[in-house]
C-alpha atoms as a PDB file:
ATOM      1  CA  MET A   1    -195.060  37.620 109.154  1.00  0.00           C
ATOM      2  CA  THR A   2    -194.771  38.367 112.842  1.00  0.00           C
ATOM      3  CA  PHE A   3    -194.907  35.336 115.119  1.00  0.00           C
ATOM      4  CA  LYS A   4    -193.701  33.855 118.382  1.00  0.00           C
ATOM      5  CA  THR A   5    -192.865  30.144 118.417  1.00  0.00           C
ATOM      6  CA  ALA A   6    -194.322  29.873 121.938  1.00  0.00           C
ATOM      7  CA  GLU A   7    -197.692  31.166 120.715  1.00  0.00           C
ATOM      8  CA  LEU A   8    -197.543  28.934 117.633  1.00  0.00           C
ATOM      9  CA  CYS A   9    -196.900  25.926 119.868  1.00  0.00           C
ATOM     10  CA  ASP A  10    -199.831  26.840 122.114  1.00  0.00           C
ATOM     11  CA  SER A  11    -202.269  27.342 119.237  1.00  0.00           C
ATOM     12  CA  ASN A  12    -201.072  24.268 117.304  1.00  0.00           C
ATOM     13  CA  GLU A  13    -200.518  21.810 120.120  1.00  0.00           C
ATOM     14  CA  GLY A  14    -199.956  18.297 118.792  1.00  0.00           C
ATOM     15  CA  LYS A  15    -199.606  19.594 115.235  1.00  0.00           C
ATOM     16  CA  VAL A  16    -196.014  20.884 115.296  1.00  0.00           C
ATOM     17  CA  ALA A  17    -192.651  19.294 116.018  1.00  0.00           C
ATOM     18  CA  ILE A  18    -190.364  21.128 118.440  1.00  0.00           C
ATOM     19  CA  ALA A  19    -186.603  20.957 117.921  1.00  0.00           C
ATOM     20  CA  GLN A  20    -184.388  20.262 120.921  1.00  0.00           C
ATOM     21  CA  PRO A  21    -182.595  23.466 122.045  1.00  0.00           C
ATOM     22  CA  LEU A  22    -179.175  22.649 120.620  1.00  0.00           C
ATOM     23  CA  LEU A  23    -178.578  25.528 118.221  1.00  0.00           C
ATOM     24  CA  LYS A  24    -177.326  29.069 118.875  1.00  0.00           C
ATOM     25  CA  SER A  25    -178.635  32.193 117.127  1.00  0.00           C
ATOM     26  CA  PHE A  26    -176.503  34.273 114.801  1.00  0.00           C
ATOM     27  CA  GLY A  27    -177.297  37.165 112.467  1.00  0.00           C
ATOM     28  CA  ALA A  28    -179.231  40.339 113.207  1.00  0.00           C
ATOM     29  CA  LYS A  29    -182.561  38.745 112.295  1.00  0.00           C
ATOM     30  CA  LYS A  30    -183.653  36.785 115.390  1.00  0.00           C
ATOM     31  CA  SER A  31    -186.978  35.573 113.972  1.00  0.00           C
ATOM     32  CA  PHE A  32    -187.442  33.881 110.619  1.00  0.00           C
ATOM     33  CA  ALA A  33    -189.733  31.384 108.940  1.00  0.00           C
ATOM     34  CA  GLY A  34    -190.314  29.774 105.574  1.00  0.00           C
ATOM     35  CA  GLU A  35    -190.635  26.725 103.419  1.00  0.00           C
ATOM     36  CA  ILE A  36    -187.962  24.115 104.109  1.00  0.00           C
ATOM     37  CA  VAL A  37    -185.221  23.397 101.571  1.00  0.00           C
ATOM     38  CA  THR A  38    -182.570  20.869 102.686  1.00  0.00           C
ATOM     39  CA  VAL A  39    -178.964  19.977 102.104  1.00  0.00           C
ATOM     40  CA  LYS A  40    -177.172  17.001 103.681  1.00  0.00           C
ATOM     41  CA  VAL A  41    -173.384  17.275 103.723  1.00  0.00           C
ATOM     42  CA  PHE A  42    -170.421  16.345 105.901  1.00  0.00           C
ATOM     43  CA  GLU A  43    -167.561  18.828 106.270  1.00  0.00           C
ATOM     44  CA  ASP A  44    -168.104  20.028 102.661  1.00  0.00           C
ATOM     45  CA  ASN A  45    -170.054  23.208 101.889  1.00  0.00           C
ATOM     46  CA  VAL A  46    -170.179  23.158  98.060  1.00  0.00           C
ATOM     47  CA  ARG A  47    -173.864  22.123  98.047  1.00  0.00           C
ATOM     48  CA  VAL A  48    -174.637  24.760 100.703  1.00  0.00           C
ATOM     49  CA  LYS A  49    -173.167  27.430  98.425  1.00  0.00           C
ATOM     50  CA  GLU A  50    -175.026  26.001  95.442  1.00  0.00           C
ATOM     51  CA  MET A  51    -178.374  26.316  97.230  1.00  0.00           C
ATOM     52  CA  LEU A  52    -177.689  29.762  98.733  1.00  0.00           C
ATOM     53  CA  GLY A  53    -176.883  30.936  95.193  1.00  0.00           C
ATOM     54  CA  LYS A  54    -180.556  30.360  94.246  1.00  0.00           C
ATOM     55  CA  ASN A  55    -183.582  32.488  94.986  1.00  0.00           C
ATOM     56  CA  GLY A  56    -184.568  31.780  98.582  1.00  0.00           C
ATOM     57  CA  LYS A  57    -187.526  34.120  98.988  1.00  0.00           C
ATOM     58  CA  GLU A  58    -189.799  32.807 101.769  1.00  0.00           C
ATOM     59  CA  LYS A  59    -187.553  29.750 102.200  1.00  0.00           C
ATOM     60  CA  VAL A  60    -185.226  28.473 104.949  1.00  0.00           C
ATOM     61  CA  LEU A  61    -182.186  26.386 104.068  1.00  0.00           C
ATOM     62  CA  VAL A  62    -181.809  23.535 106.562  1.00  0.00           C
ATOM     63  CA  VAL A  63    -178.309  22.045 106.450  1.00  0.00           C
ATOM     64  CA  ASP A  64    -177.613  18.698 108.074  1.00  0.00           C
ATOM     65  CA  GLY A  65    -173.856  18.804 108.542  1.00  0.00           C
ATOM     66  CA  GLY A  66    -173.867  15.628 110.635  1.00  0.00           C
ATOM     67  CA  GLY A  67    -173.247  17.677 113.778  1.00  0.00           C
ATOM     68  CA  SER A  68    -169.584  18.096 112.923  1.00  0.00           C
ATOM     69  CA  LEU A  69    -167.710  20.636 115.025  1.00  0.00           C
ATOM     70  CA  ARG A  70    -164.483  20.297 112.994  1.00  0.00           C
ATOM     71  CA  CYS A  71    -165.136  22.925 110.286  1.00  0.00           C
ATOM     72  CA  ALA A  72    -167.531  25.690 109.263  1.00  0.00           C
ATOM     73  CA  LEU A  73    -170.218  25.126 106.657  1.00  0.00           C
ATOM     74  CA  MET A  74    -170.992  28.848 106.307  1.00  0.00           C
ATOM     75  CA  GLY A  75    -169.048  32.067 106.653  1.00  0.00           C
ATOM     76  CA  ASP A  76    -169.547  35.722 105.826  1.00  0.00           C
ATOM     77  CA  LEU A  77    -169.419  35.205 102.048  1.00  0.00           C
ATOM     78  CA  LEU A  78    -172.220  32.631 102.134  1.00  0.00           C
ATOM     79  CA  GLY A  79    -174.081  34.797 104.633  1.00  0.00           C
ATOM     80  CA  LYS A  80    -173.948  37.675 102.155  1.00  0.00           C
ATOM     81  CA  MET A  81    -175.109  35.311  99.390  1.00  0.00           C
ATOM     82  CA  ALA A  82    -178.056  34.202 101.556  1.00  0.00           C
ATOM     83  CA  GLN A  83    -178.923  37.851 102.180  1.00  0.00           C
ATOM     84  CA  ASP A  84    -178.615  38.830  98.509  1.00  0.00           C
ATOM     85  CA  ASN A  85    -180.803  35.917  97.372  1.00  0.00           C
ATOM     86  CA  GLU A  86    -183.484  36.712  99.972  1.00  0.00           C
ATOM     87  CA  TRP A  87    -183.306  33.528 102.044  1.00  0.00           C
ATOM     88  CA  ALA A  88    -185.510  33.874 105.128  1.00  0.00           C
ATOM     89  CA  GLY A  89    -182.893  32.037 107.215  1.00  0.00           C
ATOM     90  CA  VAL A  90    -180.407  29.200 107.507  1.00  0.00           C
ATOM     91  CA  ILE A  91    -180.408  26.396 110.099  1.00  0.00           C
ATOM     92  CA  ILE A  92    -177.176  24.367 110.336  1.00  0.00           C
ATOM     93  CA  ASN A  93    -176.472  21.148 112.202  1.00  0.00           C
ATOM     94  CA  GLY A  94    -172.833  22.157 112.211  1.00  0.00           C
ATOM     95  CA  CYS A  95    -170.671  25.253 112.616  1.00  0.00           C
ATOM     96  CA  ILE A  96    -170.292  28.694 111.049  1.00  0.00           C
ATOM     97  CA  ARG A  97    -167.366  31.076 110.991  1.00  0.00           C
ATOM     98  CA  ASP A  98    -167.045  34.858 110.572  1.00  0.00           C
ATOM     99  CA  SER A  99    -169.710  35.167 113.273  1.00  0.00           C
ATOM    100  CA  ALA A 100    -169.063  38.881 113.958  1.00  0.00           C
ATOM    101  CA  GLU A 101    -169.732  39.670 110.306  1.00  0.00           C
ATOM    102  CA  ILE A 102    -172.785  37.392 110.157  1.00  0.00           C
ATOM    103  CA  ASN A 103    -174.148  38.951 113.360  1.00  0.00           C
ATOM    104  CA  ALA A 104    -174.105  42.344 111.626  1.00  0.00           C
ATOM    105  CA  MET A 105    -176.096  41.051 108.609  1.00  0.00           C
ATOM    106  CA  PRO A 106    -179.901  41.244 108.400  1.00  0.00           C
ATOM    107  CA  ILE A 107    -180.226  37.459 108.170  1.00  0.00           C
ATOM    108  CA  GLY A 108    -181.214  34.738 110.608  1.00  0.00           C
ATOM    109  CA  VAL A 109    -178.899  31.813 111.253  1.00  0.00           C
ATOM    110  CA  LYS A 110    -179.023  28.971 113.748  1.00  0.00           C
ATOM    111  CA  ALA A 111    -175.971  26.715 114.136  1.00  0.00           C
ATOM    112  CA  LEU A 112    -174.319  24.484 116.732  1.00  0.00           C
ATOM    113  CA  ASN A 113    -171.324  26.762 117.233  1.00  0.00           C
ATOM    114  CA  THR A 114    -168.466  28.621 115.588  1.00  0.00           C
ATOM    115  CA  ILE A 115    -165.051  27.464 114.403  1.00  0.00           C
ATOM    116  CA  PRO A 116    -162.486  29.314 112.238  1.00  0.00           C
ATOM    117  CA  ILE A 117    -161.643  26.335 109.953  1.00  0.00           C
ATOM    118  CA  LYS A 118    -163.184  26.276 106.469  1.00  0.00           C
ATOM    119  CA  SER A 119    -164.783  23.153 105.030  1.00  0.00           C
ATOM    120  CA  LYS A 120    -163.672  20.843 102.251  1.00  0.00           C
ATOM    121  CA  LYS A 121    -164.753  21.619  98.708  1.00  0.00           C
ATOM    122  CA  GLY A 122    -165.505  18.169  97.241  1.00  0.00           C
ATOM    123  CA  GLY A 123    -169.093  18.819  96.155  1.00  0.00           C
ATOM    124  CA  VAL A 124    -170.443  15.764  97.949  1.00  0.00           C
ATOM    125  CA  GLY A 125    -173.936  16.052  99.386  1.00  0.00           C
ATOM    126  CA  GLU A 126    -177.626  15.474  98.973  1.00  0.00           C
ATOM    127  CA  ILE A 127    -180.188  18.151  98.111  1.00  0.00           C
ATOM    128  CA  ASN A 128    -183.861  18.196  99.126  1.00  0.00           C
ATOM    129  CA  ALA A 129    -184.106  14.924 101.037  1.00  0.00           C
ATOM    130  CA  PRO A 130    -185.637  14.798 104.534  1.00  0.00           C
ATOM    131  CA  VAL A 131    -182.989  15.365 107.252  1.00  0.00           C
ATOM    132  CA  ASN A 132    -183.247  14.650 110.950  1.00  0.00           C
ATOM    133  CA  PHE A 133    -181.454  16.353 113.821  1.00  0.00           C
ATOM    134  CA  ALA A 134    -182.364  18.003 117.129  1.00  0.00           C
ATOM    135  CA  GLY A 135    -185.149  15.413 117.434  1.00  0.00           C
ATOM    136  CA  VAL A 136    -187.037  16.730 114.395  1.00  0.00           C
ATOM    137  CA  THR A 137    -187.382  15.675 110.774  1.00  0.00           C
ATOM    138  CA  PHE A 138    -187.075  18.621 108.374  1.00  0.00           C
ATOM    139  CA  THR A 139    -188.917  17.679 105.182  1.00  0.00           C
ATOM    140  CA  PRO A 140    -188.619  19.798 102.034  1.00  0.00           C
ATOM    141  CA  GLY A 141    -191.866  21.618 101.332  1.00  0.00           C
ATOM    142  CA  GLU A 142    -192.904  21.734 104.992  1.00  0.00           C
ATOM    143  CA  PHE A 143    -192.480  24.888 107.088  1.00  0.00           C
ATOM    144  CA  VAL A 144    -190.080  25.951 109.824  1.00  0.00           C
ATOM    145  CA  TYR A 145    -190.378  28.777 112.332  1.00  0.00           C
ATOM    146  CA  SER A 146    -187.439  30.037 114.381  1.00  0.00           C
ATOM    147  CA  ASP A 147    -187.078  32.755 117.001  1.00  0.00           C
ATOM    148  CA  GLU A 148    -185.319  33.417 120.297  1.00  0.00           C
ATOM    149  CA  ASP A 149    -187.339  30.651 122.001  1.00  0.00           C
ATOM    150  CA  GLY A 150    -186.660  27.849 119.532  1.00  0.00           C
ATOM    151  CA  ILE A 151    -187.449  26.091 116.300  1.00  0.00           C
ATOM    152  CA  ILE A 152    -190.710  24.421 115.318  1.00  0.00           C
ATOM    153  CA  VAL A 153    -191.700  22.500 112.197  1.00  0.00           C
ATOM    154  CA  SER A 154    -195.166  22.219 110.676  1.00  0.00           C
ATOM    155  CA  VAL A 155    -196.513  20.191 107.750  1.00  0.00           C
ATOM    156  CA  THR A 156    -198.660  23.210 106.812  1.00  0.00           C
ATOM    157  CA  LYS A 157    -198.050  26.932 106.807  1.00  0.00           C
ATOM    158  CA  LEU A 158    -199.117  28.506 110.122  1.00  0.00           C
ATOM    159  CA  HIS A 159    -200.829  31.871 110.404  1.00  0.00           C
END
């Protein structure tokens, strides 16, 4: 699907939520969209890896990492896993690492920033519960659209 978030906002005014412009783009794929799947964690990426290990065709993994800038929730290995399992994209309220490698991959990633420190591996986190950051609630089963201009969320699939 080819889209521009600006055009989707114009044609769906009052029907979409627009995320605050807090996240940076990574990965070679600058535009991505899909059904929302969520993970809520804090400085622990075990649940992120668990979800990226599943089929992600036409889905976007939205990770609420609590906005932590102290460690990365995704690196090149999880980026490759996301690519291999056909995730449309990954949106992270937290950091990534291995950004040069991720930028060369045909995946779309939005994150707060980069940091070289890996996360804890405790396995603590919540899967598929609504998460809220950047002024938007990301609800599993709803749809997210991301490109160079921003991120929007819709209850229904947009055409």
